[in-house]
Amino acid sequence: MRSAEYSMTCVAPTVSVLLGIPAPSGAVGQVMAEIAGDRRAARVALIVPDALGEYAWGLWQGEMPFLLSLHARHSLALRSVMPSITPVNFAAMVTGTDQRGHGIATKHDAFACETLFDVLRKSGGKSAGIGLDGYTGSALMGRCSDLCCTVEEHSDEAVAARIVAVTRADRPEFLIAQLGCVDDTFHAHGPSAPEVVPMLRETDARLERTVGELGALGYVTLILSDHGQHDIPDPPPGGKRGSHGTDSDQDCVVPCTWT
């Protein structure tokens, strides 16, 4: 049962409490007590199925039984910071502040404030950022973390394999990974189109395998999205059928669960 709605800026302070490190100095979000509470973790992983917002989740959660089982135990909602696009909200996750504080507009920008990567590095730990080549998970998160894990193959399955490989080999205390093909599929068909169902079923099975591997290595795993998507009515031939970036609930409210 869903307990609350928080800002995306609450992710970094919550991860900091779990890891027992200070929050990034510019963080303005609060600690999500439902996740952190008195719990501490040696390692934390954030897995981000890009664009799987509350709108699509409400339509298709029955197609994702593993993720639904996690939400049945632990579930809350997060609201994306504006604009509701990927680099801005990934940056909010690792800084605890919005675009005015972190300064990220594109995946190529430099952070204007301290990040979880910085705090962890100062404490003697290490971090990893994982994503498809040219996507935010590698181009921004990987670039600024200690272990940049760029996946050349355009496949979320390859991203999941890299998550398992890097955690087995390097044991980073903090990991953030982007499943970018979810967003691609929603853009191509629209989040309410039945054509997205095979991708969602594959994503669910992928999450189940990956979370199991991470749990065996001692990771607390948070599964959340960076933003949602809305359907585009009457798109032009060959144009996108799903989009985001507005302050609508469809674009901004996303589900979050954890192990």
Protein backbone atom coordinates (compact mmCIF):
# COMPACT_ATOMS: atom_id res chain seq x y z
CA MET A 1 0.00 0.00 0.00
CA ARG A 2 1.38 3.38 -1.02
CA SER A 3 2.32 5.51 1.96
CA ALA A 4 3.44 8.89 0.65
CA GLU A 5 4.63 11.05 -2.23
CA TYR A 6 8.11 12.54 -2.09
CA SER A 7 10.29 14.69 -4.33
CA MET A 8 13.02 13.21 -6.52
CA THR A 9 15.37 15.32 -4.38
CA CYS A 10 14.74 12.90 -1.49
CA VAL A 11 16.65 10.04 -3.13
CA ALA A 12 20.19 11.25 -2.36
CA PRO A 13 19.56 11.99 1.35
CA THR A 14 17.92 8.57 1.72
CA VAL A 15 20.79 6.73 0.04
CA SER A 16 23.20 8.68 2.26
CA VAL A 17 21.46 7.46 5.41
CA LEU A 18 21.46 3.88 4.15
CA LEU A 19 25.20 4.06 3.46
CA GLY A 20 26.01 5.98 6.64
CA ILE A 21 27.62 8.91 4.79
CA PRO A 22 26.75 12.63 4.80
CA ALA A 23 24.20 13.84 2.28
CA PRO A 24 25.57 15.95 -0.58
CA SER A 25 26.08 19.48 0.72
CA GLY A 26 23.45 21.06 -1.53
CA ALA A 27 20.72 18.50 -0.83
CA VAL A 28 17.31 19.96 0.01
CA GLY A 29 15.24 16.76 0.01
CA GLN A 30 14.18 14.91 3.13
CA VAL A 31 15.06 11.37 4.13
CA MET A 32 12.36 8.89 3.14
CA ALA A 33 11.85 7.14 6.47
CA GLU A 34 9.92 4.28 4.86
CA ILE A 35 13.11 3.27 3.03
CA ALA A 36 15.87 4.28 5.42
CA GLY A 37 14.40 4.35 8.92
CA ASP A 38 16.92 2.55 11.14
CA ARG A 39 18.22 0.44 8.25
CA ARG A 40 21.86 0.61 7.16
CA ALA A 41 23.40 -1.02 4.13
CA ALA A 42 26.93 -1.76 3.01
CA ARG A 43 25.86 -1.26 -0.60
CA VAL A 44 22.96 0.41 -2.43
CA ALA A 45 21.84 0.04 -6.05
CA LEU A 46 19.40 2.30 -7.90
CA ILE A 47 17.87 0.67 -10.96
CA VAL A 48 15.94 3.10 -13.12
CA PRO A 49 13.55 1.78 -15.80
CA ASP A 50 13.50 5.06 -17.71
CA ALA A 51 10.02 6.61 -18.10
CA LEU A 52 8.07 3.89 -16.25
CA GLY A 53 5.85 6.45 -14.55
CA GLU A 54 2.70 6.03 -12.50
CA TYR A 55 0.52 6.40 -15.61
CA ALA A 56 2.05 3.44 -17.45
CA TRP A 57 2.44 1.48 -14.21
CA GLY A 58 -1.27 1.88 -13.48
CA LEU A 59 -2.13 0.51 -16.92
CA TRP A 60 0.31 -2.37 -17.09
CA GLN A 61 1.32 -3.47 -13.59
CA GLY A 62 -0.50 -6.76 -14.11
CA GLU A 63 2.07 -7.56 -16.81
CA MET A 64 4.93 -7.14 -14.32
CA PRO A 65 4.28 -9.65 -11.52
CA PHE A 66 7.72 -9.42 -9.90
CA LEU A 67 7.66 -5.62 -9.66
CA LEU A 68 4.05 -5.79 -8.49
CA SER A 69 5.08 -8.17 -5.69
CA LEU A 70 7.70 -5.66 -4.51
CA HIS A 71 5.17 -2.82 -4.56
CA ALA A 72 2.74 -4.96 -2.57
CA ARG A 73 5.29 -4.89 0.27
CA HIS A 74 6.91 -1.47 -0.12
CA SER A 75 5.64 1.35 -2.31
CA LEU A 76 5.73 5.12 -2.51
CA ALA A 77 5.54 7.75 -5.21
CA LEU A 78 8.15 10.27 -6.27
CA ARG A 79 7.58 13.51 -8.14
CA SER A 80 10.12 14.48 -10.78
CA VAL A 81 11.74 17.89 -10.65
CA MET A 82 11.19 20.17 -13.62
CA PRO A 83 11.73 19.82 -16.45
CA SER A 84 10.67 16.19 -16.30
CA ILE A 85 13.48 14.89 -18.50
CA THR A 86 16.16 12.28 -17.90
CA PRO A 87 19.42 14.19 -17.22
CA VAL A 88 17.72 16.65 -14.87
CA ASN A 89 16.14 13.94 -12.75
CA PHE A 90 19.09 11.56 -12.67
CA ALA A 91 21.06 14.56 -11.44
CA ALA A 92 18.43 15.22 -8.76
CA MET A 93 18.75 11.59 -7.58
CA VAL A 94 22.49 11.93 -6.91
CA THR A 95 22.55 15.50 -5.56
CA GLY A 96 19.31 15.91 -3.61
CA THR A 97 18.51 19.21 -5.31
CA ASP A 98 16.70 20.45 -8.41
CA GLN A 99 18.07 21.93 -11.63
CA ARG A 100 18.68 25.32 -10.05
CA GLY A 101 21.01 23.64 -7.57
CA HIS A 102 22.71 20.96 -9.64
CA GLY A 103 22.99 22.86 -12.91
CA ILE A 104 22.39 19.88 -15.19
CA ALA A 105 20.34 20.51 -18.31
CA THR A 106 21.91 17.89 -20.59
CA LYS A 107 23.92 14.72 -20.07
CA HIS A 108 27.06 16.58 -21.14
CA ASP A 109 26.94 19.26 -18.42
CA ALA A 110 29.10 19.48 -15.30
CA PHE A 111 27.58 19.35 -11.84
CA ALA A 112 27.39 22.68 -10.03
CA CYS A 113 27.22 21.02 -6.60
CA GLU A 114 28.39 18.01 -4.64
CA THR A 115 27.08 14.57 -5.63
CA LEU A 116 26.77 11.19 -3.95
CA PHE A 117 29.76 10.17 -6.06
CA ASP A 118 31.84 12.93 -4.43
CA VAL A 119 30.71 12.19 -0.88
CA LEU A 120 31.32 8.48 -1.25
CA ARG A 121 34.76 9.07 -2.77
CA LYS A 122 35.71 11.27 0.19
CA SER A 123 34.65 8.50 2.56
CA GLY A 124 36.87 5.97 0.80
CA GLY A 125 34.11 4.21 -1.13
CA LYS A 126 33.47 3.88 -4.84
CA SER A 127 30.52 4.20 -7.16
CA ALA A 128 29.40 3.01 -10.59
CA GLY A 129 27.20 4.48 -13.30
CA ILE A 130 25.80 2.14 -15.94
CA GLY A 131 23.87 2.77 -19.14
CA LEU A 132 23.69 2.44 -22.89
CA ASP A 133 26.30 4.24 -24.95
CA GLY A 134 25.24 7.88 -25.33
CA TYR A 135 22.52 7.68 -22.66
CA THR A 136 22.44 9.49 -19.32
CA GLY A 137 23.34 6.37 -17.33
CA SER A 138 26.79 6.31 -18.90
CA ALA A 139 27.30 9.80 -20.35
CA LEU A 140 26.48 11.59 -17.06
CA MET A 141 26.29 9.06 -14.23
CA GLY A 142 29.16 6.93 -15.51
CA ARG A 143 31.32 9.93 -16.37
CA CYS A 144 31.03 11.32 -12.85
CA SER A 145 31.28 8.03 -10.93
CA ASP A 146 34.38 5.94 -10.23
CA LEU A 147 33.40 3.08 -12.52
CA CYS A 148 31.98 4.21 -15.87
CA CYS A 149 30.18 1.23 -17.37
CA THR A 150 29.15 2.06 -20.93
CA VAL A 151 27.17 -0.66 -22.69
CA GLU A 152 27.79 -0.67 -26.43
CA GLU A 153 25.01 -3.10 -27.35
CA HIS A 154 21.62 -1.33 -27.52
CA SER A 155 19.96 -3.68 -25.06
CA ASP A 156 18.65 -3.41 -21.50
CA GLU A 157 19.57 -7.06 -21.09
CA ALA A 158 23.17 -6.05 -21.73
CA VAL A 159 22.81 -3.31 -19.11
CA ALA A 160 21.54 -5.87 -16.59
CA ALA A 161 24.47 -8.16 -17.40
CA ARG A 162 26.88 -5.27 -16.80
CA ILE A 163 25.24 -4.52 -13.43
CA VAL A 164 25.88 -8.10 -12.33
CA ALA A 165 29.41 -8.14 -13.71
CA VAL A 166 30.55 -4.90 -12.07
CA THR A 167 29.00 -5.73 -8.71
CA ARG A 168 30.60 -9.16 -8.66
CA ALA A 169 34.02 -7.84 -9.69
CA ASP A 170 34.25 -4.43 -7.99
CA ARG A 171 31.62 -4.31 -5.23
CA PRO A 172 30.92 -0.55 -5.53
CA GLU A 173 29.13 0.80 -2.47
CA PHE A 174 26.74 2.77 -4.71
CA LEU A 175 25.49 1.94 -8.18
CA ILE A 176 23.01 3.71 -10.44
CA ALA A 177 21.86 2.10 -13.69
CA GLN A 178 19.51 3.24 -16.45
CA LEU A 179 17.30 0.86 -18.44
CA GLY A 180 16.94 3.19 -21.41
CA CYS A 181 15.04 0.94 -23.80
CA VAL A 182 11.89 1.34 -21.67
CA ASP A 183 11.81 5.05 -22.55
CA ASP A 184 12.59 4.30 -26.20
CA THR A 185 9.66 1.89 -26.46
CA PHE A 186 7.22 4.33 -24.85
CA HIS A 187 8.36 7.09 -27.21
CA ALA A 188 7.86 4.82 -30.21
CA HIS A 189 4.38 3.50 -29.33
CA GLY A 190 2.98 5.65 -26.50
CA PRO A 191 2.82 4.40 -22.89
CA SER A 192 -0.78 3.18 -23.22
CA ALA A 193 -0.24 1.16 -26.42
CA PRO A 194 -0.48 -2.65 -26.16
CA GLU A 195 2.72 -2.84 -28.21
CA VAL A 196 4.71 -1.94 -25.07
CA VAL A 197 3.62 -5.07 -23.17
CA PRO A 198 6.31 -7.46 -24.45
CA MET A 199 9.00 -4.98 -23.40
CA LEU A 200 7.44 -4.60 -19.94
CA ARG A 201 7.26 -8.37 -19.44
CA GLU A 202 10.93 -8.67 -20.42
CA THR A 203 11.82 -5.79 -18.10
CA ASP A 204 10.04 -7.47 -15.20
CA ALA A 205 11.88 -10.75 -15.70
CA ARG A 206 15.14 -8.80 -16.06
CA LEU A 207 14.51 -6.96 -12.80
CA GLU A 208 13.75 -10.20 -10.97
CA ARG A 209 17.03 -11.78 -12.07
CA THR A 210 19.07 -8.65 -11.38
CA VAL A 211 17.57 -7.93 -7.96
CA GLY A 212 18.23 -11.54 -6.98
CA GLU A 213 21.89 -11.22 -7.97
CA LEU A 214 22.24 -7.92 -6.12
CA GLY A 215 20.60 -9.29 -3.00
CA ALA A 216 23.05 -12.17 -2.90
CA LEU A 217 25.86 -9.60 -2.91
CA GLY A 218 24.36 -7.62 -0.03
CA TYR A 219 22.80 -4.74 -1.95
CA VAL A 220 19.67 -2.88 -0.93
CA THR A 221 18.03 -2.14 -4.30
CA LEU A 222 15.71 0.76 -5.08
CA ILE A 223 13.68 0.57 -8.29
CA LEU A 224 12.35 3.93 -9.42
CA SER A 225 11.86 5.94 -12.55
CA ASP A 226 13.24 9.33 -13.52
CA HIS A 227 9.97 10.57 -15.07
CA GLY A 228 6.85 9.25 -16.77
CA GLN A 229 5.36 9.73 -20.21
CA HIS A 230 2.08 10.81 -21.76
CA ASP A 231 0.50 9.73 -25.03
CA ILE A 232 0.66 12.11 -27.97
CA PRO A 233 -2.76 12.35 -29.64
CA ASP A 234 -2.68 12.23 -33.44
CA PRO A 235 1.11 12.09 -33.90
CA PRO A 236 2.49 12.82 -37.36
CA PRO A 237 3.41 9.82 -39.51
CA GLY A 238 6.64 8.37 -38.19
CA GLY A 239 6.63 10.70 -35.18
CA LYS A 240 6.86 9.89 -31.49
CA ARG A 241 3.71 8.59 -29.84
CA GLY A 242 4.87 9.23 -26.29
CA SER A 243 6.55 12.25 -24.72
CA HIS A 244 7.41 13.96 -21.41
CA GLY A 245 8.86 17.15 -19.99
CA THR A 246 5.72 18.84 -18.69
CA ASP A 247 4.54 19.28 -15.09
CA SER A 248 1.59 16.92 -15.57
CA ASP A 249 1.15 13.97 -13.23
CA GLN A 250 1.60 11.62 -16.19
CA ASP A 251 5.06 13.03 -16.79
CA CYS A 252 6.09 13.63 -13.17
CA VAL A 253 4.67 11.02 -10.78
CA VAL A 254 6.65 7.79 -10.70
CA PRO A 255 6.47 4.63 -8.55
CA CYS A 256 9.28 3.59 -6.25
CA THR A 257 9.85 0.29 -4.46
CA TRP A 258 12.80 -1.33 -2.70
CA THR A 259 14.16 -4.58 -1.30
